[in-house]
Every structure is written in structure tokens, then in C-alpha cells.
Amino acid sequence: MRMAVIGAFAGAIYTELRKPPEQRTWHGKLLGVVPYDFRMPSLEKLRQAYWNPHSPKIFTDRPLGVGWAVNIPTVLRRLGVRSEMTKGR
């Protein structure tokens, strides 16, 4: 597992470094599937990734790094945890 994570980071960085400097965005999808983002996230972006009770998605693009984040309120709602904080749609 550790090697897969290291490989994903290396692949994402390699993807960006292959581009001319003016075309580097430092975010995208590795192999068209795995999201990556090396830009500094805002608090709003962090909240949307990890605490978005209005979204039905369990997995969201990670706000920093490679892979996916877990939308906690959606997981709790699907597990049957009732709370004002987890209410979405």
C-alpha cells in the first residue's frame, strides 16, 4: 500500500514536470482516474472535501495530495447516525 501511495505521488509530480512551466497547474487526474492537487487549499475547499452534508458523495477529490477524501456527514448519515450536523438534502 505504501508503495502505491508513493508511486501515485511520484506519478502526479512527474505528470506536472513533463509539462512546460507555463502549462503546469499542479492539479488533475493521474491516468485519468486518481485526482491530485498540490495547490494550497482554502478552508472552504477543505470543508467541501471532508464536511459537506449537502453532498450525497462519500468520496470527494482530496483537497491536497493524491487520492480521495471521505465526506464524513454522508458516511454518518448512511450509517444511520442522526444529528443536526449531518443533515443534508
PDB file of N, CA and C in Angstrom:
ATOM      1  N   MET A   1       0.825  -1.191   0.000  1.00  0.00           N
ATOM      2  CA  MET A   1       0.000   0.000   0.000  1.00  0.00           C
ATOM      3  C   MET A   1       0.872   1.258   0.000  1.00  0.00           C
ATOM      4  N   ARG A   2       1.894   1.240   0.822  1.00  0.00           N
ATOM      5  CA  ARG A   2       2.788   2.395   0.907  1.00  0.00           C
ATOM      6  C   ARG A   2       3.443   2.679  -0.443  1.00  0.00           C
ATOM      7  N   MET A   3       3.838   1.628  -1.138  1.00  0.00           N
ATOM      8  CA  MET A   3       4.474   1.814  -2.445  1.00  0.00           C
ATOM      9  C   MET A   3       3.486   2.388  -3.460  1.00  0.00           C
ATOM     10  N   ALA A   4       2.215   2.001  -3.365  1.00  0.00           N
ATOM     11  CA  ALA A   4       1.197   2.545  -4.274  1.00  0.00           C
ATOM     12  C   ALA A   4       1.017   4.040  -4.038  1.00  0.00           C
ATOM     13  N   VAL A   5       1.016   4.451  -2.778  1.00  0.00           N
ATOM     14  CA  VAL A   5       0.868   5.876  -2.445  1.00  0.00           C
ATOM     15  C   VAL A   5       2.076   6.660  -2.945  1.00  0.00           C
ATOM     16  N   ILE A   6       3.262   6.145  -2.697  1.00  0.00           N
ATOM     17  CA  ILE A   6       4.483   6.812  -3.164  1.00  0.00           C
ATOM     18  C   ILE A   6       4.490   6.876  -4.690  1.00  0.00           C
ATOM     19  N   GLY A   7       4.086   5.792  -5.329  1.00  0.00           N
ATOM     20  CA  GLY A   7       4.020   5.767  -6.789  1.00  0.00           C
ATOM     21  C   GLY A   7       3.030   6.774  -7.346  1.00  0.00           C
ATOM     22  N   ALA A   8       1.889   6.921  -6.674  1.00  0.00           N
ATOM     23  CA  ALA A   8       0.881   7.890  -7.125  1.00  0.00           C
ATOM     24  C   ALA A   8       1.411   9.313  -6.999  1.00  0.00           C
ATOM     25  N   PHE A   9       2.052   9.631  -5.871  1.00  0.00           N
ATOM     26  CA  PHE A   9       2.644  10.961  -5.702  1.00  0.00           C
ATOM     27  C   PHE A   9       3.701  11.215  -6.772  1.00  0.00           C
ATOM     28  N   ALA A  10       4.579  10.238  -6.966  1.00  0.00           N
ATOM     29  CA  ALA A  10       5.641  10.391  -7.961  1.00  0.00           C
ATOM     30  C   ALA A  10       5.051  10.553  -9.361  1.00  0.00           C
ATOM     31  N   GLY A  11       4.027   9.777  -9.673  1.00  0.00           N
ATOM     32  CA  GLY A  11       3.391   9.873 -10.983  1.00  0.00           C
ATOM     33  C   GLY A  11       2.746  11.225 -11.220  1.00  0.00           C
ATOM     34  N   ALA A  12       2.091  11.756 -10.194  1.00  0.00           N
ATOM     35  CA  ALA A  12       1.442  13.066 -10.324  1.00  0.00           C
ATOM     36  C   ALA A  12       2.480  14.170 -10.508  1.00  0.00           C
ATOM     37  N   ILE A  13       3.540  14.116  -9.733  1.00  0.00           N
ATOM     38  CA  ILE A  13       4.592  15.130  -9.858  1.00  0.00           C
ATOM     39  C   ILE A  13       5.271  15.017 -11.221  1.00  0.00           C
ATOM     40  N   TYR A  14       5.544  13.792 -11.654  1.00  0.00           N
ATOM     41  CA  TYR A  14       6.153  13.578 -12.965  1.00  0.00           C
ATOM     42  C   TYR A  14       5.259  14.120 -14.079  1.00  0.00           C
ATOM     43  N   THR A  15       3.956  13.881 -13.958  1.00  0.00           N
ATOM     44  CA  THR A  15       2.996  14.385 -14.954  1.00  0.00           C
ATOM     45  C   THR A  15       3.102  15.894 -15.085  1.00  0.00           C
ATOM     46  N   GLU A  16       3.183  16.591 -13.960  1.00  0.00           N
ATOM     47  CA  GLU A  16       3.271  18.053 -13.993  1.00  0.00           C
ATOM     48  C   GLU A  16       4.630  18.528 -14.502  1.00  0.00           C
ATOM     49  N   LEU A  17       5.704  17.874 -14.091  1.00  0.00           N
ATOM     50  CA  LEU A  17       7.044  18.312 -14.503  1.00  0.00           C
ATOM     51  C   LEU A  17       7.317  18.065 -15.985  1.00  0.00           C
ATOM     52  N   ARG A  18       6.577  17.153 -16.611  1.00  0.00           N
ATOM     53  CA  ARG A  18       6.726  16.917 -18.056  1.00  0.00           C
ATOM     54  C   ARG A  18       6.175  18.075 -18.868  1.00  0.00           C
ATOM     55  N   LYS A  19       5.265  18.843 -18.283  1.00  0.00           N
ATOM     56  CA  LYS A  19       4.648  19.970 -18.983  1.00  0.00           C
ATOM     57  C   LYS A  19       5.585  21.171 -18.966  1.00  0.00           C
ATOM     58  N   PRO A  20       5.464  22.050 -19.969  1.00  0.00           N
ATOM     59  CA  PRO A  20       6.210  23.309 -19.902  1.00  0.00           C
ATOM     60  C   PRO A  20       5.759  24.089 -18.659  1.00  0.00           C
ATOM     61  N   PRO A  21       6.651  24.849 -18.031  1.00  0.00           N
ATOM     62  CA  PRO A  21       6.309  25.555 -16.787  1.00  0.00           C
ATOM     63  C   PRO A  21       5.015  26.369 -16.855  1.00  0.00           C
ATOM     64  N   GLU A  22       4.756  27.009 -17.978  1.00  0.00           N
ATOM     65  CA  GLU A  22       3.554  27.847 -18.070  1.00  0.00           C
ATOM     66  C   GLU A  22       2.262  27.021 -18.160  1.00  0.00           C
ATOM     67  N   GLN A  23       2.378  25.716 -18.397  1.00  0.00           N
ATOM     68  CA  GLN A  23       1.193  24.854 -18.502  1.00  0.00           C
ATOM     69  C   GLN A  23       0.952  24.009 -17.247  1.00  0.00           C
ATOM     70  N   ARG A  24       1.834  24.127 -16.269  1.00  0.00           N
ATOM     71  CA  ARG A  24       1.687  23.339 -15.040  1.00  0.00           C
ATOM     72  C   ARG A  24       0.586  23.923 -14.163  1.00  0.00           C
ATOM     73  N   THR A  25      -0.379  23.095 -13.831  1.00  0.00           N
ATOM     74  CA  THR A  25      -1.476  23.542 -12.967  1.00  0.00           C
ATOM     75  C   THR A  25      -1.369  22.942 -11.567  1.00  0.00           C
ATOM     76  N   TRP A  26      -0.621  21.872 -11.419  1.00  0.00           N
ATOM     77  CA  TRP A  26      -0.423  21.169 -10.160  1.00  0.00           C
ATOM     78  C   TRP A  26      -1.715  20.561  -9.615  1.00  0.00           C
ATOM     79  N   HIS A  27      -2.656  20.303 -10.509  1.00  0.00           N
ATOM     80  CA  HIS A  27      -3.850  19.542 -10.145  1.00  0.00           C
ATOM     81  C   HIS A  27      -4.372  18.865 -11.404  1.00  0.00           C
ATOM     82  N   GLY A  28      -5.016  17.727 -11.209  1.00  0.00           N
ATOM     83  CA  GLY A  28      -5.560  16.986 -12.343  1.00  0.00           C
ATOM     84  C   GLY A  28      -5.897  15.572 -11.929  1.00  0.00           C
ATOM     85  N   LYS A  29      -5.876  14.661 -12.890  1.00  0.00           N
ATOM     86  CA  LYS A  29      -6.188  13.254 -12.620  1.00  0.00           C
ATOM     87  C   LYS A  29      -5.057  12.395 -13.170  1.00  0.00           C
ATOM     88  N   LEU A  30      -4.513  11.566 -12.334  1.00  0.00           N
ATOM     89  CA  LEU A  30      -3.457  10.648 -12.719  1.00  0.00           C
ATOM     90  C   LEU A  30      -4.088   9.483 -13.473  1.00  0.00           C
ATOM     91  N   LEU A  31      -3.612   9.218 -14.671  1.00  0.00           N
ATOM     92  CA  LEU A  31      -4.158   8.175 -15.548  1.00  0.00           C
ATOM     93  C   LEU A  31      -5.647   8.384 -15.813  1.00  0.00           C
ATOM     94  N   GLY A  32      -6.092   9.628 -15.693  1.00  0.00           N
ATOM     95  CA  GLY A  32      -7.488   9.957 -15.937  1.00  0.00           C
ATOM     96  C   GLY A  32      -8.446   9.504 -14.849  1.00  0.00           C
ATOM     97  N   VAL A  33      -7.916   9.000 -13.720  1.00  0.00           N
ATOM     98  CA  VAL A  33      -8.768   8.435 -12.675  1.00  0.00           C
ATOM     99  C   VAL A  33      -8.491   9.023 -11.288  1.00  0.00           C
ATOM    100  N   VAL A  34      -7.251   8.966 -10.853  1.00  0.00           N
ATOM    101  CA  VAL A  34      -6.890   9.344  -9.482  1.00  0.00           C
ATOM    102  C   VAL A  34      -6.634  10.850  -9.403  1.00  0.00           C
ATOM    103  N   PRO A  35      -7.444  11.571  -8.608  1.00  0.00           N
ATOM    104  CA  PRO A  35      -7.255  13.019  -8.524  1.00  0.00           C
ATOM    105  C   PRO A  35      -6.007  13.392  -7.722  1.00  0.00           C
ATOM    106  N   TYR A  36      -5.380  14.484  -8.145  1.00  0.00           N
ATOM    107  CA  TYR A  36      -4.270  15.040  -7.363  1.00  0.00           C
ATOM    108  C   TYR A  36      -4.376  16.555  -7.380  1.00  0.00           C
ATOM    109  N   ASP A  37      -3.898  17.157  -6.299  1.00  0.00           N
ATOM    110  CA  ASP A  37      -3.909  18.616  -6.187  1.00  0.00           C
ATOM    111  C   ASP A  37      -2.806  19.013  -5.220  1.00  0.00           C
ATOM    112  N   PHE A  38      -1.833  19.761  -5.717  1.00  0.00           N
ATOM    113  CA  PHE A  38      -0.712  20.199  -4.890  1.00  0.00           C
ATOM    114  C   PHE A  38      -0.772  21.688  -4.583  1.00  0.00           C
ATOM    115  N   ARG A  39      -1.922  22.313  -4.852  1.00  0.00           N
ATOM    116  CA  ARG A  39      -2.101  23.726  -4.524  1.00  0.00           C
ATOM    117  C   ARG A  39      -2.553  23.840  -3.068  1.00  0.00           C
ATOM    118  N   MET A  40      -2.212  24.962  -2.425  1.00  0.00           N
ATOM    119  CA  MET A  40      -2.626  25.171  -1.043  1.00  0.00           C
ATOM    120  C   MET A  40      -4.150  25.306  -0.990  1.00  0.00           C
ATOM    121  N   PRO A  41      -4.821  24.456  -0.207  1.00  0.00           N
ATOM    122  CA  PRO A  41      -6.287  24.516  -0.172  1.00  0.00           C
ATOM    123  C   PRO A  41      -6.793  25.636   0.740  1.00  0.00           C
ATOM    124  N   SER A  42      -7.937  26.172   0.389  1.00  0.00           N
ATOM    125  CA  SER A  42      -8.599  27.149   1.258  1.00  0.00           C
ATOM    126  C   SER A  42      -9.388  26.377   2.320  1.00  0.00           C
ATOM    127  N   LEU A  43      -9.818  27.075   3.347  1.00  0.00           N
ATOM    128  CA  LEU A  43     -10.649  26.435   4.367  1.00  0.00           C
ATOM    129  C   LEU A  43     -11.953  25.924   3.757  1.00  0.00           C
ATOM    130  N   GLU A  44     -12.500  26.674   2.813  1.00  0.00           N
ATOM    131  CA  GLU A  44     -13.737  26.254   2.149  1.00  0.00           C
ATOM    132  C   GLU A  44     -13.530  24.961   1.359  1.00  0.00           C
ATOM    133  N   LYS A  45     -12.394  24.842   0.701  1.00  0.00           N
ATOM    134  CA  LYS A  45     -12.103  23.631  -0.070  1.00  0.00           C
ATOM    135  C   LYS A  45     -11.944  22.423   0.863  1.00  0.00           C
ATOM    136  N   LEU A  46     -11.312  22.635   2.009  1.00  0.00           N
ATOM    137  CA  LEU A  46     -11.184  21.562   2.996  1.00  0.00           C
ATOM    138  C   LEU A  46     -12.560  21.140   3.512  1.00  0.00           C
ATOM    139  N   ARG A  47     -13.391  22.120   3.806  1.00  0.00           N
ATOM    140  CA  ARG A  47     -14.729  21.831   4.307  1.00  0.00           C
ATOM    141  C   ARG A  47     -15.549  21.068   3.265  1.00  0.00           C
ATOM    142  N   GLN A  48     -15.482  21.492   2.015  1.00  0.00           N
ATOM    143  CA  GLN A  48     -16.237  20.822   0.954  1.00  0.00           C
ATOM    144  C   GLN A  48     -15.785  19.369   0.776  1.00  0.00           C
ATOM    145  N   ALA A  49     -14.517  19.102   1.018  1.00  0.00           N
ATOM    146  CA  ALA A  49     -13.998  17.743   0.851  1.00  0.00           C
ATOM    147  C   ALA A  49     -14.372  16.834   2.022  1.00  0.00           C
ATOM    148  N   TYR A  50     -14.232  17.343   3.257  1.00  0.00           N
ATOM    149  CA  TYR A  50     -14.392  16.491   4.432  1.00  0.00           C
ATOM    150  C   TYR A  50     -15.708  16.677   5.185  1.00  0.00           C
ATOM    151  N   TRP A  51     -16.386  17.803   5.007  1.00  0.00           N
ATOM    152  CA  TRP A  51     -17.619  18.053   5.760  1.00  0.00           C
ATOM    153  C   TRP A  51     -18.622  18.791   4.889  1.00  0.00           C
ATOM    154  N   ASN A  52     -19.290  18.047   4.017  1.00  0.00           N
ATOM    155  CA  ASN A  52     -20.288  18.625   3.128  1.00  0.00           C
ATOM    156  C   ASN A  52     -21.581  17.815   3.252  1.00  0.00           C
ATOM    157  N   PRO A  53     -22.419  18.152   4.245  1.00  0.00           N
ATOM    158  CA  PRO A  53     -23.635  17.369   4.457  1.00  0.00           C
ATOM    159  C   PRO A  53     -24.641  17.474   3.312  1.00  0.00           C
ATOM    160  N   HIS A  54     -24.460  18.421   2.415  1.00  0.00           N
ATOM    161  CA  HIS A  54     -25.392  18.594   1.298  1.00  0.00           C
ATOM    162  C   HIS A  54     -25.043  17.717   0.091  1.00  0.00           C
ATOM    163  N   SER A  55     -23.884  17.072   0.140  1.00  0.00           N
ATOM    164  CA  SER A  55     -23.458  16.226  -0.980  1.00  0.00           C
ATOM    165  C   SER A  55     -23.775  14.758  -0.690  1.00  0.00           C
ATOM    166  N   PRO A  56     -24.270  14.020  -1.681  1.00  0.00           N
ATOM    167  CA  PRO A  56     -24.506  12.587  -1.492  1.00  0.00           C
ATOM    168  C   PRO A  56     -23.228  11.759  -1.666  1.00  0.00           C
ATOM    169  N   LYS A  57     -22.148  12.382  -2.110  1.00  0.00           N
ATOM    170  CA  LYS A  57     -20.910  11.647  -2.378  1.00  0.00           C
ATOM    171  C   LYS A  57     -20.182  11.299  -1.079  1.00  0.00           C
ATOM    172  N   ILE A  58     -19.748  10.043  -0.969  1.00  0.00           N
ATOM    173  CA  ILE A  58     -18.916   9.638   0.168  1.00  0.00           C
ATOM    174  C   ILE A  58     -17.472  10.038  -0.104  1.00  0.00           C
ATOM    175  N   PHE A  59     -16.990   9.769  -1.305  1.00  0.00           N
ATOM    176  CA  PHE A  59     -15.611  10.096  -1.657  1.00  0.00           C
ATOM    177  C   PHE A  59     -15.576  11.351  -2.520  1.00  0.00           C
ATOM    178  N   THR A  60     -14.702  12.273  -2.153  1.00  0.00           N
ATOM    179  CA  THR A  60     -14.517  13.513  -2.899  1.00  0.00           C
ATOM    180  C   THR A  60     -13.043  13.640  -3.252  1.00  0.00           C
ATOM    181  N   ASP A  61     -12.732  14.513  -4.188  1.00  0.00           N
ATOM    182  CA  ASP A  61     -11.322  14.737  -4.514  1.00  0.00           C
ATOM    183  C   ASP A  61     -10.617  15.307  -3.290  1.00  0.00           C
ATOM    184  N   ARG A  62      -9.449  14.793  -3.022  1.00  0.00           N
ATOM    185  CA  ARG A  62      -8.671  15.264  -1.876  1.00  0.00           C
ATOM    186  C   ARG A  62      -8.239  16.710  -2.118  1.00  0.00           C
ATOM    187  N   PRO A  63      -8.366  17.583  -1.120  1.00  0.00           N
ATOM    188  CA  PRO A  63      -8.023  18.989  -1.334  1.00  0.00           C
ATOM    189  C   PRO A  63      -6.521  19.249  -1.417  1.00  0.00           C
ATOM    190  N   LEU A  64      -5.706  18.319  -0.936  1.00  0.00           N
ATOM    191  CA  LEU A  64      -4.255  18.450  -1.013  1.00  0.00           C
ATOM    192  C   LEU A  64      -3.657  17.057  -1.064  1.00  0.00           C
ATOM    193  N   GLY A  65      -2.879  16.782  -2.092  1.00  0.00           N
ATOM    194  CA  GLY A  65      -2.258  15.478  -2.218  1.00  0.00           C
ATOM    195  C   GLY A  65      -2.863  14.660  -3.344  1.00  0.00           C
ATOM    196  N   VAL A  66      -2.804  13.341  -3.181  1.00  0.00           N
ATOM    197  CA  VAL A  66      -3.257  12.413  -4.218  1.00  0.00           C
ATOM    198  C   VAL A  66      -4.325  11.496  -3.639  1.00  0.00           C
ATOM    199  N   GLY A  67      -5.398  11.304  -4.374  1.00  0.00           N
ATOM    200  CA  GLY A  67      -6.426  10.364  -3.950  1.00  0.00           C
ATOM    201  C   GLY A  67      -7.722  11.047  -3.569  1.00  0.00           C
ATOM    202  N   TRP A  68      -8.450  10.395  -2.675  1.00  0.00           N
ATOM    203  CA  TRP A  68      -9.784  10.860  -2.323  1.00  0.00           C
ATOM    204  C   TRP A  68      -9.876  11.181  -0.840  1.00  0.00           C
ATOM    205  N   ALA A  69     -10.832  12.042  -0.511  1.00  0.00           N
ATOM    206  CA  ALA A  69     -11.168  12.374   0.871  1.00  0.00           C
ATOM    207  C   ALA A  69     -12.499  11.703   1.196  1.00  0.00           C
ATOM    208  N   VAL A  70     -12.809  11.583   2.476  1.00  0.00           N
ATOM    209  CA  VAL A  70     -14.072  10.990   2.912  1.00  0.00           C
ATOM    210  C   VAL A  70     -14.970  12.094   3.457  1.00  0.00           C
ATOM    211  N   ASN A  71     -16.151  12.202   2.884  1.00  0.00           N
ATOM    212  CA  ASN A  71     -17.143  13.188   3.308  1.00  0.00           C
ATOM    213  C   ASN A  71     -17.859  12.626   4.547  1.00  0.00           C
ATOM    214  N   ILE A  72     -17.427  13.041   5.719  1.00  0.00           N
ATOM    215  CA  ILE A  72     -17.861  12.454   6.985  1.00  0.00           C
ATOM    216  C   ILE A  72     -19.377  12.515   7.218  1.00  0.00           C
ATOM    217  N   PRO A  73     -20.055  13.643   7.008  1.00  0.00           N
ATOM    218  CA  PRO A  73     -21.502  13.646   7.266  1.00  0.00           C
ATOM    219  C   PRO A  73     -22.285  12.647   6.411  1.00  0.00           C
ATOM    220  N   THR A  74     -21.863  12.448   5.191  1.00  0.00           N
ATOM    221  CA  THR A  74     -22.553  11.490   4.325  1.00  0.00           C
ATOM    222  C   THR A  74     -22.354  10.066   4.837  1.00  0.00           C
ATOM    223  N   VAL A  75     -21.150   9.751   5.293  1.00  0.00           N
ATOM    224  CA  VAL A  75     -20.889   8.427   5.859  1.00  0.00           C
ATOM    225  C   VAL A  75     -21.759   8.216   7.098  1.00  0.00           C
ATOM    226  N   LEU A  76     -21.777   9.201   7.990  1.00  0.00           N
ATOM    227  CA  LEU A  76     -22.577   9.078   9.213  1.00  0.00           C
ATOM    228  C   LEU A  76     -24.063   8.921   8.895  1.00  0.00           C
ATOM    229  N   ARG A  77     -24.541   9.676   7.926  1.00  0.00           N
ATOM    230  CA  ARG A  77     -25.943   9.592   7.530  1.00  0.00           C
ATOM    231  C   ARG A  77     -26.266   8.188   7.002  1.00  0.00           C
ATOM    232  N   ARG A  78     -25.377   7.639   6.196  1.00  0.00           N
ATOM    233  CA  ARG A  78     -25.618   6.301   5.628  1.00  0.00           C
ATOM    234  C   ARG A  78     -25.513   5.207   6.682  1.00  0.00           C
ATOM    235  N   LEU A  79     -24.758   5.487   7.750  1.00  0.00           N
ATOM    236  CA  LEU A  79     -24.670   4.534   8.857  1.00  0.00           C
ATOM    237  C   LEU A  79     -25.858   4.657   9.805  1.00  0.00           C
ATOM    238  N   GLY A  80     -26.699   5.644   9.562  1.00  0.00           N
ATOM    239  CA  GLY A  80     -27.885   5.815  10.384  1.00  0.00           C
ATOM    240  C   GLY A  80     -27.707   6.719  11.581  1.00  0.00           C
ATOM    241  N   VAL A  81     -26.582   7.424  11.655  1.00  0.00           N
ATOM    242  CA  VAL A  81     -26.350   8.354  12.760  1.00  0.00           C
ATOM    243  C   VAL A  81     -27.205   9.587  12.514  1.00  0.00           C
ATOM    244  N   ARG A  82     -28.058   9.917  13.461  1.00  0.00           N
ATOM    245  CA  ARG A  82     -28.953  11.073  13.319  1.00  0.00           C
ATOM    246  C   ARG A  82     -28.374  12.251  14.088  1.00  0.00           C
ATOM    247  N   SER A  83     -28.188  13.341  13.382  1.00  0.00           N
ATOM    248  CA  SER A  83     -27.655  14.544  14.010  1.00  0.00           C
ATOM    249  C   SER A  83     -28.023  15.739  13.154  1.00  0.00           C
ATOM    250  N   GLU A  84     -28.208  16.870  13.780  1.00  0.00           N
ATOM    251  CA  GLU A  84     -28.468  18.101  13.031  1.00  0.00           C
ATOM    252  C   GLU A  84     -27.285  18.420  12.117  1.00  0.00           C
ATOM    253  N   MET A  85     -26.083  18.050  12.540  1.00  0.00           N
ATOM    254  CA  MET A  85     -24.883  18.378  11.770  1.00  0.00           C
ATOM    255  C   MET A  85     -24.761  17.543  10.502  1.00  0.00           C
ATOM    256  N   THR A  86     -25.390  16.374  10.448  1.00  0.00           N
ATOM    257  CA  THR A  86     -25.235  15.510   9.270  1.00  0.00           C
ATOM    258  C   THR A  86     -26.379  15.647   8.280  1.00  0.00           C
ATOM    259  N   LYS A  87     -27.360  16.476   8.598  1.00  0.00           N
ATOM    260  CA  LYS A  87     -28.497  16.634   7.681  1.00  0.00           C
ATOM    261  C   LYS A  87     -28.067  17.358   6.425  1.00  0.00           C
ATOM    262  N   GLY A  88     -28.425  16.791   5.321  1.00  0.00           N
ATOM    263  CA  GLY A  88     -28.136  17.403   4.026  1.00  0.00           C
ATOM    264  C   GLY A  88     -29.436  17.658   3.319  1.00  0.00           C
ATOM    265  N   ARG A  89     -29.497  17.189   2.113  1.00  0.00           N
ATOM    266  CA  ARG A  89     -30.698  17.364   1.288  1.00  0.00           C
ATOM    267  C   ARG A  89     -31.911  16.718   1.903  1.00  0.00           C
TER     268      ARG A  89
END
